Amino acid sequence: MKEKLIDLFEYTYHFNNEMIKVISENREAVDDKTISLINHTLNAQQIWNARISGETAFEVWQINPFDTLEEINHQNFLKSIAIVQNADLEKTIEYHNSRGTKFENTVFDMLFHAINHSTYHRGQINSLLKQNGLEPILTDYIFYKR
């Protein structure tokens, strides 16, 4: 299971980088919603990592300097991989969501959610790219594996 999670985080890292690249190359054509969503995608992974690790989390919708997004993505990847390799995936973690409500989930569920959440928002970003006359990126997992 750990190997599959690592593979899925590699996939997430790769296509987050591809999204950052296409947005960077087309900054004049992308709208504020696209910028907000790529930031939110990266912020959310950092937040889930921080919840698991007991570290300080980003704000859900904070806008980071664009030139830091690749590094944030890289740090998210390294932290997620370290968690997969070193944590008990069945351990239950208690945390508060962005509204302050208390929840409990396993490390595995939190990590899988972070992956799935990124995939969802990359789809939204692709829709926005297309609406702004840009070519969407083929980000399906099977394309990554090919």
C-alpha atoms as a PDB file:
ATOM      1  CA  MET A   1       0.000   0.000   0.000  1.00  0.00           C
ATOM      2  CA  LYS A   2       2.826   2.420   0.791  1.00  0.00           C
ATOM      3  CA  GLU A   3       4.324   1.907  -2.683  1.00  0.00           C
ATOM      4  CA  LYS A   4       0.983   2.776  -4.315  1.00  0.00           C
ATOM      5  CA  LEU A   5       0.596   5.915  -2.200  1.00  0.00           C
ATOM      6  CA  ILE A   6       4.117   6.991  -3.160  1.00  0.00           C
ATOM      7  CA  ASP A   7       3.236   6.404  -6.829  1.00  0.00           C
ATOM      8  CA  LEU A   8       0.089   8.505  -6.454  1.00  0.00           C
ATOM      9  CA  PHE A   9       2.022  11.319  -4.781  1.00  0.00           C
ATOM     10  CA  GLU A  10       4.572  11.199  -7.622  1.00  0.00           C
ATOM     11  CA  TYR A  11       1.657  11.522 -10.065  1.00  0.00           C
ATOM     12  CA  THR A  12       0.231  14.425  -8.059  1.00  0.00           C
ATOM     13  CA  TYR A  13       3.614  16.165  -7.894  1.00  0.00           C
ATOM     14  CA  HIS A  14       4.206  15.733 -11.625  1.00  0.00           C
ATOM     15  CA  PHE A  15       0.863  17.154 -12.741  1.00  0.00           C
ATOM     16  CA  ASN A  16       0.879  19.952 -10.166  1.00  0.00           C
ATOM     17  CA  ASN A  17       4.208  20.991 -11.720  1.00  0.00           C
ATOM     18  CA  GLU A  18       2.708  20.765 -15.201  1.00  0.00           C
ATOM     19  CA  MET A  19      -0.179  22.995 -14.127  1.00  0.00           C
ATOM     20  CA  ILE A  20       2.180  25.532 -12.581  1.00  0.00           C
ATOM     21  CA  LYS A  21       4.204  25.520 -15.810  1.00  0.00           C
ATOM     22  CA  VAL A  22       1.246  26.087 -18.139  1.00  0.00           C
ATOM     23  CA  ILE A  23      -0.125  28.837 -15.903  1.00  0.00           C
ATOM     24  CA  SER A  24       3.319  30.468 -15.751  1.00  0.00           C
ATOM     25  CA  GLU A  25       3.687  30.354 -19.535  1.00  0.00           C
ATOM     26  CA  ASN A  26       0.227  31.904 -20.008  1.00  0.00           C
ATOM     27  CA  ARG A  27      -0.091  34.329 -17.090  1.00  0.00           C
ATOM     28  CA  GLU A  28      -1.696  36.995 -19.283  1.00  0.00           C
ATOM     29  CA  ALA A  29      -4.460  34.580 -20.365  1.00  0.00           C
ATOM     30  CA  VAL A  30      -5.348  32.973 -17.024  1.00  0.00           C
ATOM     31  CA  ASP A  31      -7.891  34.474 -14.671  1.00  0.00           C
ATOM     32  CA  ASP A  32      -7.773  35.058 -10.920  1.00  0.00           C
ATOM     33  CA  LYS A  33      -9.848  31.922 -10.271  1.00  0.00           C
ATOM     34  CA  THR A  34      -7.137  29.796 -11.921  1.00  0.00           C
ATOM     35  CA  ILE A  35      -4.464  31.378  -9.725  1.00  0.00           C
ATOM     36  CA  SER A  36      -6.650  30.866  -6.667  1.00  0.00           C
ATOM     37  CA  LEU A  37      -7.253  27.193  -7.487  1.00  0.00           C
ATOM     38  CA  ILE A  38      -3.609  26.273  -8.101  1.00  0.00           C
ATOM     39  CA  ASN A  39      -2.743  27.919  -4.778  1.00  0.00           C
ATOM     40  CA  HIS A  40      -5.614  26.148  -3.028  1.00  0.00           C
ATOM     41  CA  THR A  41      -4.524  22.808  -4.500  1.00  0.00           C
ATOM     42  CA  LEU A  42      -1.019  23.212  -3.082  1.00  0.00           C
ATOM     43  CA  ASN A  43      -2.226  24.741   0.184  1.00  0.00           C
ATOM     44  CA  ALA A  44      -4.553  21.814   0.836  1.00  0.00           C
ATOM     45  CA  GLN A  45      -1.797  19.229   0.505  1.00  0.00           C
ATOM     46  CA  GLN A  46       0.372  21.273   2.857  1.00  0.00           C
ATOM     47  CA  ILE A  47      -2.526  21.511   5.324  1.00  0.00           C
ATOM     48  CA  TRP A  48      -3.138  17.750   5.346  1.00  0.00           C
ATOM     49  CA  ASN A  49       0.570  17.093   5.788  1.00  0.00           C
ATOM     50  CA  ALA A  50       0.645  19.584   8.659  1.00  0.00           C
ATOM     51  CA  ARG A  51      -2.391  18.022  10.336  1.00  0.00           C
ATOM     52  CA  ILE A  52      -0.703  14.620  10.253  1.00  0.00           C
ATOM     53  CA  SER A  53       2.667  15.975  11.377  1.00  0.00           C
ATOM     54  CA  GLY A  54       1.372  18.441  13.955  1.00  0.00           C
ATOM     55  CA  GLU A  55       2.958  21.384  12.166  1.00  0.00           C
ATOM     56  CA  THR A  56       1.754  24.855  11.273  1.00  0.00           C
ATOM     57  CA  ALA A  57      -0.633  24.852   8.347  1.00  0.00           C
ATOM     58  CA  PHE A  58      -1.211  27.295   5.512  1.00  0.00           C
ATOM     59  CA  GLU A  59      -4.523  29.052   5.132  1.00  0.00           C
ATOM     60  CA  VAL A  60      -6.890  27.220   2.782  1.00  0.00           C
ATOM     61  CA  TRP A  61      -7.212  30.038   0.231  1.00  0.00           C
ATOM     62  CA  GLN A  62      -3.978  31.953   0.810  1.00  0.00           C
ATOM     63  CA  ILE A  63      -2.334  33.251  -2.361  1.00  0.00           C
ATOM     64  CA  ASN A  64       1.376  32.511  -2.380  1.00  0.00           C
ATOM     65  CA  PRO A  65       3.900  34.419  -4.496  1.00  0.00           C
ATOM     66  CA  PHE A  66       3.730  32.693  -7.886  1.00  0.00           C
ATOM     67  CA  ASP A  67       7.475  32.124  -7.999  1.00  0.00           C
ATOM     68  CA  THR A  68       7.210  29.993  -4.827  1.00  0.00           C
ATOM     69  CA  LEU A  69       4.632  27.511  -6.139  1.00  0.00           C
ATOM     70  CA  GLU A  70       7.137  25.019  -7.553  1.00  0.00           C
ATOM     71  CA  GLU A  71       9.005  24.962  -4.241  1.00  0.00           C
ATOM     72  CA  ILE A  72       5.789  24.580  -2.249  1.00  0.00           C
ATOM     73  CA  ASN A  73       4.827  21.679  -4.494  1.00  0.00           C
ATOM     74  CA  HIS A  74       8.268  20.129  -4.014  1.00  0.00           C
ATOM     75  CA  GLN A  75       8.153  20.509  -0.221  1.00  0.00           C
ATOM     76  CA  ASN A  76       4.622  19.068  -0.153  1.00  0.00           C
ATOM     77  CA  PHE A  77       5.854  16.066  -2.127  1.00  0.00           C
ATOM     78  CA  LEU A  78       8.839  15.462   0.150  1.00  0.00           C
ATOM     79  CA  LYS A  79       6.701  15.784   3.293  1.00  0.00           C
ATOM     80  CA  SER A  80       3.963  13.494   1.939  1.00  0.00           C
ATOM     81  CA  ILE A  81       6.527  10.836   0.978  1.00  0.00           C
ATOM     82  CA  ALA A  82       8.170  11.056   4.411  1.00  0.00           C
ATOM     83  CA  ILE A  83       4.781  10.594   6.068  1.00  0.00           C
ATOM     84  CA  VAL A  84       3.989   7.574   3.885  1.00  0.00           C
ATOM     85  CA  GLN A  85       7.356   6.012   4.632  1.00  0.00           C
ATOM     86  CA  ASN A  86       7.453   6.709   8.368  1.00  0.00           C
ATOM     87  CA  ALA A  87       3.905   6.929   9.702  1.00  0.00           C
ATOM     88  CA  ASP A  88       1.457   4.271  10.747  1.00  0.00           C
ATOM     89  CA  LEU A  89      -1.137   4.632   7.986  1.00  0.00           C
ATOM     90  CA  GLU A  90      -3.870   3.180  10.230  1.00  0.00           C
ATOM     91  CA  LYS A  91      -3.222   5.656  13.048  1.00  0.00           C
ATOM     92  CA  THR A  92      -6.161   7.952  13.759  1.00  0.00           C
ATOM     93  CA  ILE A  93      -5.382  11.668  13.872  1.00  0.00           C
ATOM     94  CA  GLU A  94      -7.593  14.241  15.566  1.00  0.00           C
ATOM     95  CA  TYR A  95      -7.649  17.660  13.867  1.00  0.00           C
ATOM     96  CA  HIS A  96      -9.794  20.724  13.296  1.00  0.00           C
ATOM     97  CA  ASN A  97     -10.941  21.772   9.847  1.00  0.00           C
ATOM     98  CA  SER A  98     -10.717  25.347   8.564  1.00  0.00           C
ATOM     99  CA  ARG A  99     -14.013  26.179  10.322  1.00  0.00           C
ATOM    100  CA  GLY A 100     -12.772  24.836  13.645  1.00  0.00           C
ATOM    101  CA  THR A 101     -14.844  21.639  13.661  1.00  0.00           C
ATOM    102  CA  LYS A 102     -13.088  18.642  15.212  1.00  0.00           C
ATOM    103  CA  PHE A 103     -12.688  15.434  13.170  1.00  0.00           C
ATOM    104  CA  GLU A 104     -10.741  12.188  13.308  1.00  0.00           C
ATOM    105  CA  ASN A 105      -9.419  10.219  10.331  1.00  0.00           C
ATOM    106  CA  THR A 106      -6.695   7.713   9.652  1.00  0.00           C
ATOM    107  CA  VAL A 107      -3.420   8.873   8.163  1.00  0.00           C
ATOM    108  CA  PHE A 108      -4.202   6.799   5.066  1.00  0.00           C
ATOM    109  CA  ASP A 109      -7.589   8.477   4.588  1.00  0.00           C
ATOM    110  CA  MET A 110      -6.060  11.925   5.010  1.00  0.00           C
ATOM    111  CA  LEU A 111      -3.289  11.202   2.495  1.00  0.00           C
ATOM    112  CA  PHE A 112      -5.663   9.662  -0.024  1.00  0.00           C
ATOM    113  CA  HIS A 113      -7.951  12.663   0.340  1.00  0.00           C
ATOM    114  CA  ALA A 114      -5.038  15.014  -0.408  1.00  0.00           C
ATOM    115  CA  ILE A 115      -4.331  13.109  -3.640  1.00  0.00           C
ATOM    116  CA  ASN A 116      -7.976  13.000  -4.684  1.00  0.00           C
ATOM    117  CA  HIS A 117      -8.491  16.661  -3.800  1.00  0.00           C
ATOM    118  CA  SER A 118      -5.580  17.674  -6.046  1.00  0.00           C
ATOM    119  CA  THR A 119      -6.977  15.659  -8.934  1.00  0.00           C
ATOM    120  CA  TYR A 120     -10.380  17.318  -8.542  1.00  0.00           C
ATOM    121  CA  HIS A 121      -8.954  20.832  -8.599  1.00  0.00           C
ATOM    122  CA  ARG A 122      -6.638  20.136 -11.546  1.00  0.00           C
ATOM    123  CA  GLY A 123      -9.800  19.220 -13.445  1.00  0.00           C
ATOM    124  CA  GLN A 124     -11.325  22.557 -12.490  1.00  0.00           C
ATOM    125  CA  ILE A 125      -8.160  24.357 -13.572  1.00  0.00           C
ATOM    126  CA  ASN A 126      -8.255  22.542 -16.905  1.00  0.00           C
ATOM    127  CA  SER A 127     -11.832  23.750 -17.441  1.00  0.00           C
ATOM    128  CA  LEU A 128     -10.746  27.311 -16.715  1.00  0.00           C
ATOM    129  CA  LEU A 129      -7.765  27.002 -19.065  1.00  0.00           C
ATOM    130  CA  LYS A 130     -10.089  25.869 -21.839  1.00  0.00           C
ATOM    131  CA  GLN A 131     -12.539  28.711 -21.110  1.00  0.00           C
ATOM    132  CA  ASN A 132      -9.625  31.125 -21.471  1.00  0.00           C
ATOM    133  CA  GLY A 133      -8.626  29.695 -24.859  1.00  0.00           C
ATOM    134  CA  LEU A 134      -5.750  27.557 -23.608  1.00  0.00           C
ATOM    135  CA  GLU A 135      -5.119  23.877 -24.225  1.00  0.00           C
ATOM    136  CA  PRO A 136      -5.950  21.797 -21.151  1.00  0.00           C
ATOM    137  CA  ILE A 137      -3.358  19.304 -19.911  1.00  0.00           C
ATOM    138  CA  LEU A 138      -4.143  15.604 -20.082  1.00  0.00           C
ATOM    139  CA  THR A 139      -3.782  14.828 -16.376  1.00  0.00           C
ATOM    140  CA  ASP A 140      -5.493  11.453 -16.153  1.00  0.00           C
ATOM    141  CA  TYR A 141      -3.521   8.917 -14.155  1.00  0.00           C
ATOM    142  CA  ILE A 142      -3.350   6.534 -17.096  1.00  0.00           C
ATOM    143  CA  PHE A 143      -1.574   9.179 -19.202  1.00  0.00           C
ATOM    144  CA  TYR A 144       0.994   9.515 -16.437  1.00  0.00           C
ATOM    145  CA  LYS A 145       1.548   5.766 -16.348  1.00  0.00           C
ATOM    146  CA  ARG A 146       1.926   5.521 -20.127  1.00  0.00           C
END
